């Protein structure tokens, strides 16, 4: 749906994105970040497993992967689940844009301020805080990496869709914990809060891709049925030509297969 004002140079468009379409949009924006481009040329990037990060990896390497297998933990079938280690595609380390056979735990030892660590999230709030569920009692990948990233000032990028919007990450953290939870539909988990990361939602993706053309996005609705469960509805507003270009680009992502259905 595209609306053009008859009296101004402003326009508004509405677009609905399924979770898979959102992930593709966000991944395209990650690819365009200056710090990612620099690390692809001169540094190192670690892409930790996750379904949104699978889309990021596809965009960086220009090849398709099994997105469900590129995740350690996931919410599927109404449960908190963990993929068995032998089923997973391991995290990927890039040096100057090329995959290298180095474990992330070893690669991060070489990190500098220009390098990039990309980690997905399970929760995001309106203050820009994100939360990562942890089924590993030792804290998993984020538990291992966060201290090094903070100490060295490396780039921590968190792509996460608005389907994962929660009222407050701060309030969610103290009620979680593997040893605290008595009953769970699936795995028991803790929640690692992360503040100060570069968080990319659909709104940020629009800003990265079309902000220079005078376009911004507003989250106006969530949810749907018949394959649109978890969808978000965005209003694209701004300069007419910019909004038209953004609308055409984003609707060009329509039809991205639902995860687990492709």
C-alpha atoms as a PDB file:
ATOM      1  CA  UNK A   1       0.000   0.000   0.000  1.00  0.00           C
ATOM      2  CA  UNK A   2       1.497   3.323  -1.111  1.00  0.00           C
ATOM      3  CA  UNK A   3       0.067   6.733  -0.153  1.00  0.00           C
ATOM      4  CA  UNK A   4       1.264   9.983  -1.699  1.00  0.00           C
ATOM      5  CA  UNK A   5       0.356  13.388  -0.315  1.00  0.00           C
ATOM      6  CA  UNK A   6      -1.203  15.706  -2.875  1.00  0.00           C
ATOM      7  CA  UNK A   7       0.215  18.849  -1.274  1.00  0.00           C
ATOM      8  CA  UNK A   8       3.716  18.018  -0.058  1.00  0.00           C
ATOM      9  CA  UNK A   9       6.828  16.186  -1.142  1.00  0.00           C
ATOM     10  CA  UNK A  10       6.154  13.557   1.529  1.00  0.00           C
ATOM     11  CA  UNK A  11       4.779  10.044   1.117  1.00  0.00           C
ATOM     12  CA  UNK A  12       3.927   7.043   3.254  1.00  0.00           C
ATOM     13  CA  UNK A  13       3.922   3.360   2.360  1.00  0.00           C
ATOM     14  CA  UNK A  14       2.843   0.336   4.386  1.00  0.00           C
ATOM     15  CA  UNK A  15       4.629  -2.974   4.066  1.00  0.00           C
ATOM     16  CA  UNK A  16       4.139  -6.288   5.881  1.00  0.00           C
ATOM     17  CA  UNK A  17       7.194  -8.446   6.448  1.00  0.00           C
ATOM     18  CA  UNK A  18       7.133 -12.067   7.549  1.00  0.00           C
ATOM     19  CA  UNK A  19       9.979 -13.092   9.880  1.00  0.00           C
ATOM     20  CA  UNK A  20      11.971 -14.533   6.974  1.00  0.00           C
ATOM     21  CA  UNK A  21      11.512 -11.373   4.921  1.00  0.00           C
ATOM     22  CA  UNK A  22      12.567  -9.290   7.913  1.00  0.00           C
ATOM     23  CA  UNK A  23      15.687 -11.409   8.351  1.00  0.00           C
ATOM     24  CA  UNK A  24      16.618 -10.893   4.704  1.00  0.00           C
ATOM     25  CA  UNK A  25      16.133  -7.119   4.979  1.00  0.00           C
ATOM     26  CA  UNK A  26      18.214  -6.927   8.141  1.00  0.00           C
ATOM     27  CA  UNK A  27      20.956  -9.072   6.607  1.00  0.00           C
ATOM     28  CA  UNK A  28      21.151  -6.766   3.596  1.00  0.00           C
ATOM     29  CA  UNK A  29      21.646  -3.835   5.962  1.00  0.00           C
ATOM     30  CA  UNK A  30      24.368  -5.626   7.946  1.00  0.00           C
ATOM     31  CA  UNK A  31      26.268  -6.111   4.699  1.00  0.00           C
ATOM     32  CA  UNK A  32      26.206  -2.340   4.102  1.00  0.00           C
ATOM     33  CA  UNK A  33      27.526  -1.240   7.498  1.00  0.00           C
ATOM     34  CA  UNK A  34      30.854   0.642   7.212  1.00  0.00           C
ATOM     35  CA  UNK A  35      32.498  -1.419   9.963  1.00  0.00           C
ATOM     36  CA  UNK A  36      31.488  -4.649   8.219  1.00  0.00           C
ATOM     37  CA  UNK A  37      32.825  -3.450   4.883  1.00  0.00           C
ATOM     38  CA  UNK A  38      36.107  -2.470   6.537  1.00  0.00           C
ATOM     39  CA  UNK A  39      36.452  -5.824   8.296  1.00  0.00           C
ATOM     40  CA  UNK A  40      35.726  -7.655   5.049  1.00  0.00           C
ATOM     41  CA  UNK A  41      38.618  -5.790   3.425  1.00  0.00           C
ATOM     42  CA  UNK A  42      41.150  -5.645   6.216  1.00  0.00           C
ATOM     43  CA  UNK A  43      40.040  -7.498   9.322  1.00  0.00           C
ATOM     44  CA  UNK A  44      38.132 -10.348  10.838  1.00  0.00           C
ATOM     45  CA  UNK A  45      34.435 -11.155  11.210  1.00  0.00           C
ATOM     46  CA  UNK A  46      32.942 -13.883  13.371  1.00  0.00           C
ATOM     47  CA  UNK A  47      29.370 -14.905  12.548  1.00  0.00           C
ATOM     48  CA  UNK A  48      27.865 -16.907  15.384  1.00  0.00           C
ATOM     49  CA  UNK A  49      25.126 -19.423  14.621  1.00  0.00           C
ATOM     50  CA  UNK A  50      21.480 -18.358  14.517  1.00  0.00           C
ATOM     51  CA  UNK A  51      18.716 -18.158  11.959  1.00  0.00           C
ATOM     52  CA  UNK A  52      18.995 -14.405  11.379  1.00  0.00           C
ATOM     53  CA  UNK A  53      22.765 -14.720  11.182  1.00  0.00           C
ATOM     54  CA  UNK A  54      22.299 -17.435   8.575  1.00  0.00           C
ATOM     55  CA  UNK A  55      20.794 -14.760   6.334  1.00  0.00           C
ATOM     56  CA  UNK A  56      23.739 -12.483   7.175  1.00  0.00           C
ATOM     57  CA  UNK A  57      26.180 -15.210   6.221  1.00  0.00           C
ATOM     58  CA  UNK A  58      24.369 -15.766   2.931  1.00  0.00           C
ATOM     59  CA  UNK A  59      24.640 -12.077   2.114  1.00  0.00           C
ATOM     60  CA  UNK A  60      28.339 -11.891   2.999  1.00  0.00           C
ATOM     61  CA  UNK A  61      29.307 -15.050   1.093  1.00  0.00           C
ATOM     62  CA  UNK A  62      26.697 -14.896  -1.691  1.00  0.00           C
ATOM     63  CA  UNK A  63      25.673 -18.508  -1.217  1.00  0.00           C
ATOM     64  CA  UNK A  64      22.751 -20.351   0.375  1.00  0.00           C
ATOM     65  CA  UNK A  65      23.021 -22.396   3.562  1.00  0.00           C
ATOM     66  CA  UNK A  66      20.699 -24.538   5.667  1.00  0.00           C
ATOM     67  CA  UNK A  67      19.469 -21.836   8.028  1.00  0.00           C
ATOM     68  CA  UNK A  68      17.918 -24.104  10.644  1.00  0.00           C
ATOM     69  CA  UNK A  69      21.180 -26.013  11.007  1.00  0.00           C
ATOM     70  CA  UNK A  70      23.103 -22.754  11.449  1.00  0.00           C
ATOM     71  CA  UNK A  71      21.737 -22.416  14.968  1.00  0.00           C
ATOM     72  CA  UNK A  72      22.637 -23.927  18.308  1.00  0.00           C
ATOM     73  CA  UNK A  73      19.396 -23.063  20.057  1.00  0.00           C
ATOM     74  CA  UNK A  74      16.041 -22.202  18.553  1.00  0.00           C
ATOM     75  CA  UNK A  75      12.366 -21.936  19.373  1.00  0.00           C
ATOM     76  CA  UNK A  76      10.534 -24.452  17.197  1.00  0.00           C
ATOM     77  CA  UNK A  77       7.450 -26.608  17.491  1.00  0.00           C
ATOM     78  CA  UNK A  78       6.321 -24.591  20.488  1.00  0.00           C
ATOM     79  CA  UNK A  79       9.449 -25.503  22.471  1.00  0.00           C
ATOM     80  CA  UNK A  80      12.848 -24.178  23.450  1.00  0.00           C
ATOM     81  CA  UNK A  81      15.190 -26.503  21.578  1.00  0.00           C
ATOM     82  CA  UNK A  82      18.880 -27.161  20.964  1.00  0.00           C
ATOM     83  CA  UNK A  83      20.236 -28.658  17.754  1.00  0.00           C
ATOM     84  CA  UNK A  84      22.527 -31.608  18.414  1.00  0.00           C
ATOM     85  CA  UNK A  85      26.183 -30.666  17.823  1.00  0.00           C
ATOM     86  CA  UNK A  86      26.545 -33.167  14.990  1.00  0.00           C
ATOM     87  CA  UNK A  87      23.590 -31.540  13.175  1.00  0.00           C
ATOM     88  CA  UNK A  88      24.863 -27.971  13.330  1.00  0.00           C
ATOM     89  CA  UNK A  89      26.716 -25.880  10.810  1.00  0.00           C
ATOM     90  CA  UNK A  90      29.456 -24.341  12.958  1.00  0.00           C
ATOM     91  CA  UNK A  91      30.020 -20.586  13.332  1.00  0.00           C
ATOM     92  CA  UNK A  92      32.028 -18.980  10.560  1.00  0.00           C
ATOM     93  CA  UNK A  93      35.191 -16.906  10.808  1.00  0.00           C
ATOM     94  CA  UNK A  94      36.127 -14.613   7.924  1.00  0.00           C
ATOM     95  CA  UNK A  95      39.557 -13.085   7.422  1.00  0.00           C
ATOM     96  CA  UNK A  96      39.597 -10.366   4.795  1.00  0.00           C
ATOM     97  CA  UNK A  97      36.313 -11.717   3.513  1.00  0.00           C
ATOM     98  CA  UNK A  98      37.367 -15.354   3.172  1.00  0.00           C
ATOM     99  CA  UNK A  99      36.299 -18.245   5.439  1.00  0.00           C
ATOM    100  CA  UNK A 100      39.143 -19.672   7.527  1.00  0.00           C
ATOM    101  CA  UNK A 101      39.321 -22.842   9.575  1.00  0.00           C
ATOM    102  CA  UNK A 102      39.647 -21.230  13.000  1.00  0.00           C
ATOM    103  CA  UNK A 103      37.356 -21.796  15.980  1.00  0.00           C
ATOM    104  CA  UNK A 104      35.701 -18.566  17.202  1.00  0.00           C
ATOM    105  CA  UNK A 105      37.270 -19.057  20.651  1.00  0.00           C
ATOM    106  CA  UNK A 106      40.694 -18.899  19.038  1.00  0.00           C
ATOM    107  CA  UNK A 107      39.835 -16.235  16.481  1.00  0.00           C
ATOM    108  CA  UNK A 108      38.602 -13.784  19.074  1.00  0.00           C
ATOM    109  CA  UNK A 109      42.018 -13.850  20.751  1.00  0.00           C
ATOM    110  CA  UNK A 110      43.270 -11.907  17.714  1.00  0.00           C
ATOM    111  CA  UNK A 111      40.477  -9.318  17.774  1.00  0.00           C
ATOM    112  CA  UNK A 112      41.163  -5.596  17.548  1.00  0.00           C
ATOM    113  CA  UNK A 113      38.815  -2.620  17.637  1.00  0.00           C
ATOM    114  CA  UNK A 114      38.189  -2.852  13.883  1.00  0.00           C
ATOM    115  CA  UNK A 115      37.020  -6.480  13.936  1.00  0.00           C
ATOM    116  CA  UNK A 116      33.375  -7.525  14.001  1.00  0.00           C
ATOM    117  CA  UNK A 117      31.472 -10.088  16.048  1.00  0.00           C
ATOM    118  CA  UNK A 118      27.929 -10.801  14.835  1.00  0.00           C
ATOM    119  CA  UNK A 119      25.581 -12.430  17.316  1.00  0.00           C
ATOM    120  CA  UNK A 120      21.812 -12.878  17.111  1.00  0.00           C
ATOM    121  CA  UNK A 121      19.382 -12.340  19.970  1.00  0.00           C
ATOM    122  CA  UNK A 122      16.140 -13.718  21.380  1.00  0.00           C
ATOM    123  CA  UNK A 123      14.808 -10.482  22.840  1.00  0.00           C
ATOM    124  CA  UNK A 124      15.063  -6.766  22.126  1.00  0.00           C
ATOM    125  CA  UNK A 125      13.387  -3.867  23.894  1.00  0.00           C
ATOM    126  CA  UNK A 126      12.654  -0.266  22.960  1.00  0.00           C
ATOM    127  CA  UNK A 127      15.723   0.955  24.862  1.00  0.00           C
ATOM    128  CA  UNK A 128      17.986  -1.003  22.522  1.00  0.00           C
ATOM    129  CA  UNK A 129      18.880  -3.688  25.044  1.00  0.00           C
ATOM    130  CA  UNK A 130      19.012  -7.251  23.764  1.00  0.00           C
ATOM    131  CA  UNK A 131      18.867 -10.623  25.470  1.00  0.00           C
ATOM    132  CA  UNK A 132      20.413 -13.937  24.453  1.00  0.00           C
ATOM    133  CA  UNK A 133      18.979 -17.216  25.739  1.00  0.00           C
ATOM    134  CA  UNK A 134      21.580 -19.635  27.063  1.00  0.00           C
ATOM    135  CA  UNK A 135      21.038 -23.374  27.442  1.00  0.00           C
ATOM    136  CA  UNK A 136      24.756 -23.894  28.105  1.00  0.00           C
ATOM    137  CA  UNK A 137      25.455 -23.644  31.858  1.00  0.00           C
ATOM    138  CA  UNK A 138      28.831 -22.083  31.003  1.00  0.00           C
ATOM    139  CA  UNK A 139      27.235 -19.228  29.072  1.00  0.00           C
ATOM    140  CA  UNK A 140      27.696 -20.448  25.512  1.00  0.00           C
ATOM    141  CA  UNK A 141      29.345 -18.337  22.828  1.00  0.00           C
ATOM    142  CA  UNK A 142      28.248 -14.983  24.200  1.00  0.00           C
ATOM    143  CA  UNK A 143      29.477 -15.866  27.674  1.00  0.00           C
ATOM    144  CA  UNK A 144      32.905 -16.600  26.238  1.00  0.00           C
ATOM    145  CA  UNK A 145      33.137 -13.582  23.937  1.00  0.00           C
ATOM    146  CA  UNK A 146      31.557 -10.634  25.695  1.00  0.00           C
ATOM    147  CA  UNK A 147      34.441  -9.835  28.036  1.00  0.00           C
ATOM    148  CA  UNK A 148      36.979  -9.773  25.203  1.00  0.00           C
ATOM    149  CA  UNK A 149      34.744  -7.645  22.974  1.00  0.00           C
ATOM    150  CA  UNK A 150      34.134  -5.094  25.710  1.00  0.00           C
ATOM    151  CA  UNK A 151      37.758  -5.005  26.827  1.00  0.00           C
ATOM    152  CA  UNK A 152      39.100  -4.390  23.325  1.00  0.00           C
ATOM    153  CA  UNK A 153      36.318  -2.167  21.986  1.00  0.00           C
ATOM    154  CA  UNK A 154      35.542  -4.513  19.109  1.00  0.00           C
ATOM    155  CA  UNK A 155      32.364  -4.160  17.081  1.00  0.00           C
ATOM    156  CA  UNK A 156      29.446  -6.198  18.434  1.00  0.00           C
ATOM    157  CA  UNK A 157      26.570  -6.270  15.950  1.00  0.00           C
ATOM    158  CA  UNK A 158      23.238  -7.840  16.881  1.00  0.00           C
ATOM    159  CA  UNK A 159      20.749  -8.382  14.024  1.00  0.00           C
ATOM    160  CA  UNK A 160      17.299  -9.054  15.521  1.00  0.00           C
ATOM    161  CA  UNK A 161      13.755  -8.789  14.186  1.00  0.00           C
ATOM    162  CA  UNK A 162      10.936  -6.912  15.866  1.00  0.00           C
ATOM    163  CA  UNK A 163       9.041 -10.179  16.245  1.00  0.00           C
ATOM    164  CA  UNK A 164      11.350 -10.557  19.282  1.00  0.00           C
ATOM    165  CA  UNK A 165      10.317  -7.256  20.868  1.00  0.00           C
ATOM    166  CA  UNK A 166       9.749  -7.534  24.637  1.00  0.00           C
ATOM    167  CA  UNK A 167       8.724  -4.875  27.166  1.00  0.00           C
ATOM    168  CA  UNK A 168      12.001  -4.973  29.097  1.00  0.00           C
ATOM    169  CA  UNK A 169      15.143  -7.081  28.831  1.00  0.00           C
ATOM    170  CA  UNK A 170      16.103  -5.760  32.253  1.00  0.00           C
ATOM    171  CA  UNK A 171      12.951  -7.267  33.810  1.00  0.00           C
ATOM    172  CA  UNK A 172      13.360 -10.572  31.958  1.00  0.00           C
ATOM    173  CA  UNK A 173      16.903 -11.358  33.082  1.00  0.00           C
ATOM    174  CA  UNK A 174      16.324 -12.076  36.814  1.00  0.00           C
ATOM    175  CA  UNK A 175      13.445 -14.523  36.238  1.00  0.00           C
ATOM    176  CA  UNK A 176      15.517 -16.787  33.977  1.00  0.00           C
ATOM    177  CA  UNK A 177      18.259 -19.255  34.868  1.00  0.00           C
ATOM    178  CA  UNK A 178      18.910 -22.929  34.176  1.00  0.00           C
ATOM    179  CA  UNK A 179      19.083 -23.855  37.856  1.00  0.00           C
ATOM    180  CA  UNK A 180      16.222 -21.536  38.809  1.00  0.00           C
ATOM    181  CA  UNK A 181      13.553 -22.808  36.421  1.00  0.00           C
ATOM    182  CA  UNK A 182      11.587 -25.842  37.609  1.00  0.00           C
ATOM    183  CA  UNK A 183       9.349 -26.444  34.579  1.00  0.00           C
ATOM    184  CA  UNK A 184       9.819 -25.546  30.923  1.00  0.00           C
ATOM    185  CA  UNK A 185       8.408 -26.358  27.511  1.00  0.00           C
ATOM    186  CA  UNK A 186      11.745 -27.603  26.277  1.00  0.00           C
ATOM    187  CA  UNK A 187      15.166 -26.520  27.468  1.00  0.00           C
ATOM    188  CA  UNK A 188      15.696 -24.513  30.635  1.00  0.00           C
ATOM    189  CA  UNK A 189      17.638 -21.357  29.891  1.00  0.00           C
ATOM    190  CA  UNK A 190      19.262 -18.278  31.294  1.00  0.00           C
ATOM    191  CA  UNK A 191      19.153 -14.864  29.622  1.00  0.00           C
ATOM    192  CA  UNK A 192      22.285 -12.806  28.997  1.00  0.00           C
ATOM    193  CA  UNK A 193      21.561  -9.065  28.760  1.00  0.00           C
ATOM    194  CA  UNK A 194      23.603  -7.005  26.324  1.00  0.00           C
ATOM    195  CA  UNK A 195      23.691  -3.223  26.344  1.00  0.00           C
ATOM    196  CA  UNK A 196      25.547  -0.956  23.971  1.00  0.00           C
ATOM    197  CA  UNK A 197      25.711  -3.305  20.981  1.00  0.00           C
ATOM    198  CA  UNK A 198      24.884  -2.067  17.501  1.00  0.00           C
ATOM    199  CA  UNK A 199      21.380  -3.503  17.244  1.00  0.00           C
ATOM    200  CA  UNK A 200      19.792  -3.814  13.811  1.00  0.00           C
ATOM    201  CA  UNK A 201      16.042  -4.288  13.642  1.00  0.00           C
ATOM    202  CA  UNK A 202      13.920  -3.707  10.562  1.00  0.00           C
ATOM    203  CA  UNK A 203      13.732  -0.020  11.531  1.00  0.00           C
ATOM    204  CA  UNK A 204      17.506   0.275  11.637  1.00  0.00           C
ATOM    205  CA  UNK A 205      17.787  -1.648   8.375  1.00  0.00           C
ATOM    206  CA  UNK A 206      15.583   0.891   6.607  1.00  0.00           C
ATOM    207  CA  UNK A 207      17.721   3.682   8.048  1.00  0.00           C
ATOM    208  CA  UNK A 208      20.945   2.038   6.853  1.00  0.00           C
ATOM    209  CA  UNK A 209      19.616   1.325   3.370  1.00  0.00           C
ATOM    210  CA  UNK A 210      17.414   4.374   2.737  1.00  0.00           C
ATOM    211  CA  UNK A 211      18.092   6.961   5.420  1.00  0.00           C
ATOM    212  CA  UNK A 212      20.229   8.970   3.029  1.00  0.00           C
ATOM    213  CA  UNK A 213      17.172   9.230   0.781  1.00  0.00           C
ATOM    214  CA  UNK A 214      15.065  10.776   3.533  1.00  0.00           C
ATOM    215  CA  UNK A 215      13.186   7.603   4.531  1.00  0.00           C
ATOM    216  CA  UNK A 216      12.444   6.304   8.012  1.00  0.00           C
ATOM    217  CA  UNK A 217      10.382   3.360   9.214  1.00  0.00           C
ATOM    218  CA  UNK A 218       7.823   3.193  12.019  1.00  0.00           C
ATOM    219  CA  UNK A 219       6.639  -0.080  13.559  1.00  0.00           C
ATOM    220  CA  UNK A 220       2.845   0.153  13.440  1.00  0.00           C
ATOM    221  CA  UNK A 221       1.545  -3.408  13.939  1.00  0.00           C
ATOM    222  CA  UNK A 222       2.615  -6.976  14.658  1.00  0.00           C
ATOM    223  CA  UNK A 223       1.286 -10.454  14.068  1.00  0.00           C
ATOM    224  CA  UNK A 224      -0.772 -12.259  11.487  1.00  0.00           C
ATOM    225  CA  UNK A 225      -2.143 -15.638  10.435  1.00  0.00           C
ATOM    226  CA  UNK A 226      -1.909 -18.072   7.519  1.00  0.00           C
ATOM    227  CA  UNK A 227       1.844 -17.902   7.203  1.00  0.00           C
ATOM    228  CA  UNK A 228       2.174 -14.360   8.543  1.00  0.00           C
ATOM    229  CA  UNK A 229       2.556 -15.339  12.191  1.00  0.00           C
ATOM    230  CA  UNK A 230       5.265 -13.136  13.685  1.00  0.00           C
ATOM    231  CA  UNK A 231       4.958 -10.581  10.878  1.00  0.00           C
ATOM    232  CA  UNK A 232       5.559  -6.880  11.410  1.00  0.00           C
ATOM    233  CA  UNK A 233       3.863  -4.016   9.600  1.00  0.00           C
ATOM    234  CA  UNK A 234       6.039  -0.996   8.904  1.00  0.00           C
ATOM    235  CA  UNK A 235       5.159   2.495   7.733  1.00  0.00           C
ATOM    236  CA  UNK A 236       7.809   3.967   5.472  1.00  0.00           C
ATOM    237  CA  UNK A 237       7.682   7.757   5.571  1.00  0.00           C
ATOM    238  CA  UNK A 238       9.686  10.564   4.027  1.00  0.00           C
ATOM    239  CA  UNK A 239      10.529  11.966   0.628  1.00  0.00           C
ATOM    240  CA  UNK A 240       8.287  10.644  -2.133  1.00  0.00           C
ATOM    241  CA  UNK A 241      10.984   9.244  -4.362  1.00  0.00           C
ATOM    242  CA  UNK A 242      12.880   7.740  -1.477  1.00  0.00           C
ATOM    243  CA  UNK A 243       9.773   6.076  -0.076  1.00  0.00           C
ATOM    244  CA  UNK A 244       8.865   4.725  -3.493  1.00  0.00           C
ATOM    245  CA  UNK A 245      12.358   3.275  -3.922  1.00  0.00           C
ATOM    246  CA  UNK A 246      12.332   1.746  -0.433  1.00  0.00           C
ATOM    247  CA  UNK A 247       8.865   0.283  -0.948  1.00  0.00           C
ATOM    248  CA  UNK A 248       9.855  -1.318  -4.238  1.00  0.00           C
ATOM    249  CA  UNK A 249      13.054  -2.702  -2.753  1.00  0.00           C
ATOM    250  CA  UNK A 250      11.376  -4.163   0.334  1.00  0.00           C
ATOM    251  CA  UNK A 251       8.425  -5.645  -1.548  1.00  0.00           C
ATOM    252  CA  UNK A 252      11.036  -7.260  -3.787  1.00  0.00           C
ATOM    253  CA  UNK A 253      11.935  -9.394  -0.763  1.00  0.00           C
ATOM    254  CA  UNK A 254       8.405 -10.796  -0.568  1.00  0.00           C
ATOM    255  CA  UNK A 255       8.241 -14.554  -0.950  1.00  0.00           C
ATOM    256  CA  UNK A 256      11.309 -15.382   1.148  1.00  0.00           C
ATOM    257  CA  UNK A 257      10.539 -18.970   2.248  1.00  0.00           C
ATOM    258  CA  UNK A 258       9.423 -19.575   5.807  1.00  0.00           C
ATOM    259  CA  UNK A 259      12.148 -21.258   7.815  1.00  0.00           C
ATOM    260  CA  UNK A 260      11.595 -24.977   8.050  1.00  0.00           C
ATOM    261  CA  UNK A 261       9.329 -24.823   4.961  1.00  0.00           C
ATOM    262  CA  UNK A 262      12.002 -24.529   2.270  1.00  0.00           C
END
